[in-house]
C-alpha cells in the first residue's frame, strides 16, 4: 500500500482536493467524505495511466502545510 499526501480545501461551493505529487490529479465533492472518495478514485486512475504510458510512478515526499498571516 502506498500513501499520497492530499490537500482538501473547503469553499462556498463544496470541497476541492488535489495531490501535489501527481500533476493534474484533482477531485471535488459536496462533502469532505465524498471528496476523499473521489480523490482516491482520481489517484488510482492517474497511477494506471502513468504505468500504462511506461512512466515511473511518483516518489513519495513529505509535505508541510502551514498558514501565513498577511497584515494589511
C-alpha atoms as a PDB file:
ATOM      1  CA  UNK A   1       0.000   0.000   0.000  1.00  0.00           C
ATOM      2  CA  UNK A   2       1.279   3.436  -0.934  1.00  0.00           C
ATOM      3  CA  UNK A   3       0.239   6.682   0.712  1.00  0.00           C
ATOM      4  CA  UNK A   4      -0.076  10.034  -1.023  1.00  0.00           C
ATOM      5  CA  UNK A   5      -0.449  13.451   0.549  1.00  0.00           C
ATOM      6  CA  UNK A   6      -3.777  15.061  -0.330  1.00  0.00           C
ATOM      7  CA  UNK A   7      -4.794  18.659   0.254  1.00  0.00           C
ATOM      8  CA  UNK A   8      -8.513  19.253   0.739  1.00  0.00           C
ATOM      9  CA  UNK A   9      -9.927  22.766   0.817  1.00  0.00           C
ATOM     10  CA  UNK A  10     -13.465  23.939   1.516  1.00  0.00           C
ATOM     11  CA  UNK A  11     -15.158  26.923  -0.059  1.00  0.00           C
ATOM     12  CA  UNK A  12     -18.756  28.056  -0.605  1.00  0.00           C
ATOM     13  CA  UNK A  13     -19.213  25.522  -3.444  1.00  0.00           C
ATOM     14  CA  UNK A  14     -18.051  22.432  -1.542  1.00  0.00           C
ATOM     15  CA  UNK A  15     -14.711  20.669  -1.221  1.00  0.00           C
ATOM     16  CA  UNK A  16     -11.766  20.543  -3.595  1.00  0.00           C
ATOM     17  CA  UNK A  17      -8.844  18.100  -3.347  1.00  0.00           C
ATOM     18  CA  UNK A  18      -5.525  17.727  -5.112  1.00  0.00           C
ATOM     19  CA  UNK A  19      -2.432  15.580  -4.865  1.00  0.00           C
ATOM     20  CA  UNK A  20       0.682  17.763  -5.167  1.00  0.00           C
ATOM     21  CA  UNK A  21       2.993  14.957  -6.294  1.00  0.00           C
ATOM     22  CA  UNK A  22       0.676  13.829  -9.136  1.00  0.00           C
ATOM     23  CA  UNK A  23       0.292  16.650 -11.616  1.00  0.00           C
ATOM     24  CA  UNK A  24      -3.312  17.157 -12.693  1.00  0.00           C
ATOM     25  CA  UNK A  25      -4.811  14.915 -10.011  1.00  0.00           C
ATOM     26  CA  UNK A  26      -7.859  16.786  -8.703  1.00  0.00           C
ATOM     27  CA  UNK A  27     -11.315  15.937  -7.360  1.00  0.00           C
ATOM     28  CA  UNK A  28     -14.242  17.687  -5.774  1.00  0.00           C
ATOM     29  CA  UNK A  29     -17.382  16.884  -3.827  1.00  0.00           C
ATOM     30  CA  UNK A  30     -20.222  18.285  -1.783  1.00  0.00           C
ATOM     31  CA  UNK A  31     -18.915  16.749   1.462  1.00  0.00           C
ATOM     32  CA  UNK A  32     -15.476  16.014   2.865  1.00  0.00           C
ATOM     33  CA  UNK A  33     -16.156  12.279   2.733  1.00  0.00           C
ATOM     34  CA  UNK A  34     -17.352  12.390  -0.882  1.00  0.00           C
ATOM     35  CA  UNK A  35     -14.286  14.391  -1.863  1.00  0.00           C
ATOM     36  CA  UNK A  36     -11.995  11.909  -0.157  1.00  0.00           C
ATOM     37  CA  UNK A  37     -13.590   9.008  -2.059  1.00  0.00           C
ATOM     38  CA  UNK A  38     -13.379  10.958  -5.320  1.00  0.00           C
ATOM     39  CA  UNK A  39      -9.688  11.784  -4.879  1.00  0.00           C
ATOM     40  CA  UNK A  40      -8.918   8.129  -4.111  1.00  0.00           C
ATOM     41  CA  UNK A  41     -10.511   7.206  -7.453  1.00  0.00           C
ATOM     42  CA  UNK A  42      -8.622  10.003  -9.209  1.00  0.00           C
ATOM     43  CA  UNK A  43      -5.311   8.784  -7.763  1.00  0.00           C
ATOM     44  CA  UNK A  44      -5.976   5.219  -8.929  1.00  0.00           C
ATOM     45  CA  UNK A  45      -6.846   6.392 -12.452  1.00  0.00           C
ATOM     46  CA  UNK A  46      -3.785   8.642 -12.680  1.00  0.00           C
ATOM     47  CA  UNK A  47      -1.470   5.877 -11.472  1.00  0.00           C
ATOM     48  CA  UNK A  48      -2.948   3.446 -14.013  1.00  0.00           C
ATOM     49  CA  UNK A  49      -2.334   5.971 -16.812  1.00  0.00           C
ATOM     50  CA  UNK A  50       1.213   6.595 -15.614  1.00  0.00           C
ATOM     51  CA  UNK A  51       2.003   2.869 -15.571  1.00  0.00           C
ATOM     52  CA  UNK A  52       0.377   2.258 -18.986  1.00  0.00           C
ATOM     53  CA  UNK A  53       2.467   5.010 -20.529  1.00  0.00           C
ATOM     54  CA  UNK A  54       5.666   3.467 -19.168  1.00  0.00           C
ATOM     55  CA  UNK A  55       6.498   6.405 -16.925  1.00  0.00           C
ATOM     56  CA  UNK A  56       7.844   5.979 -13.422  1.00  0.00           C
ATOM     57  CA  UNK A  57       5.440   6.305 -10.532  1.00  0.00           C
ATOM     58  CA  UNK A  58       5.959   9.455  -8.489  1.00  0.00           C
ATOM     59  CA  UNK A  59       8.135   9.047  -5.415  1.00  0.00           C
ATOM     60  CA  UNK A  60       6.692   9.912  -2.067  1.00  0.00           C
ATOM     61  CA  UNK A  61       7.749  13.032  -0.268  1.00  0.00           C
ATOM     62  CA  UNK A  62       6.684  14.844   2.836  1.00  0.00           C
ATOM     63  CA  UNK A  63       4.517  17.927   2.701  1.00  0.00           C
ATOM     64  CA  UNK A  64       4.406  20.619   5.329  1.00  0.00           C
ATOM     65  CA  UNK A  65       1.239  22.690   5.442  1.00  0.00           C
ATOM     66  CA  UNK A  66       1.058  25.935   7.358  1.00  0.00           C
ATOM     67  CA  UNK A  67      -0.757  29.230   7.269  1.00  0.00           C
ATOM     68  CA  UNK A  68       0.777  32.648   6.845  1.00  0.00           C
ATOM     69  CA  UNK A  69      -0.878  35.798   8.146  1.00  0.00           C
ATOM     70  CA  UNK A  70      -0.546  38.860   5.956  1.00  0.00           C
ATOM     71  CA  UNK A  71      -1.358  42.189   7.570  1.00  0.00           C
ATOM     72  CA  UNK A  72      -2.944  44.997   5.710  1.00  0.00           C
END
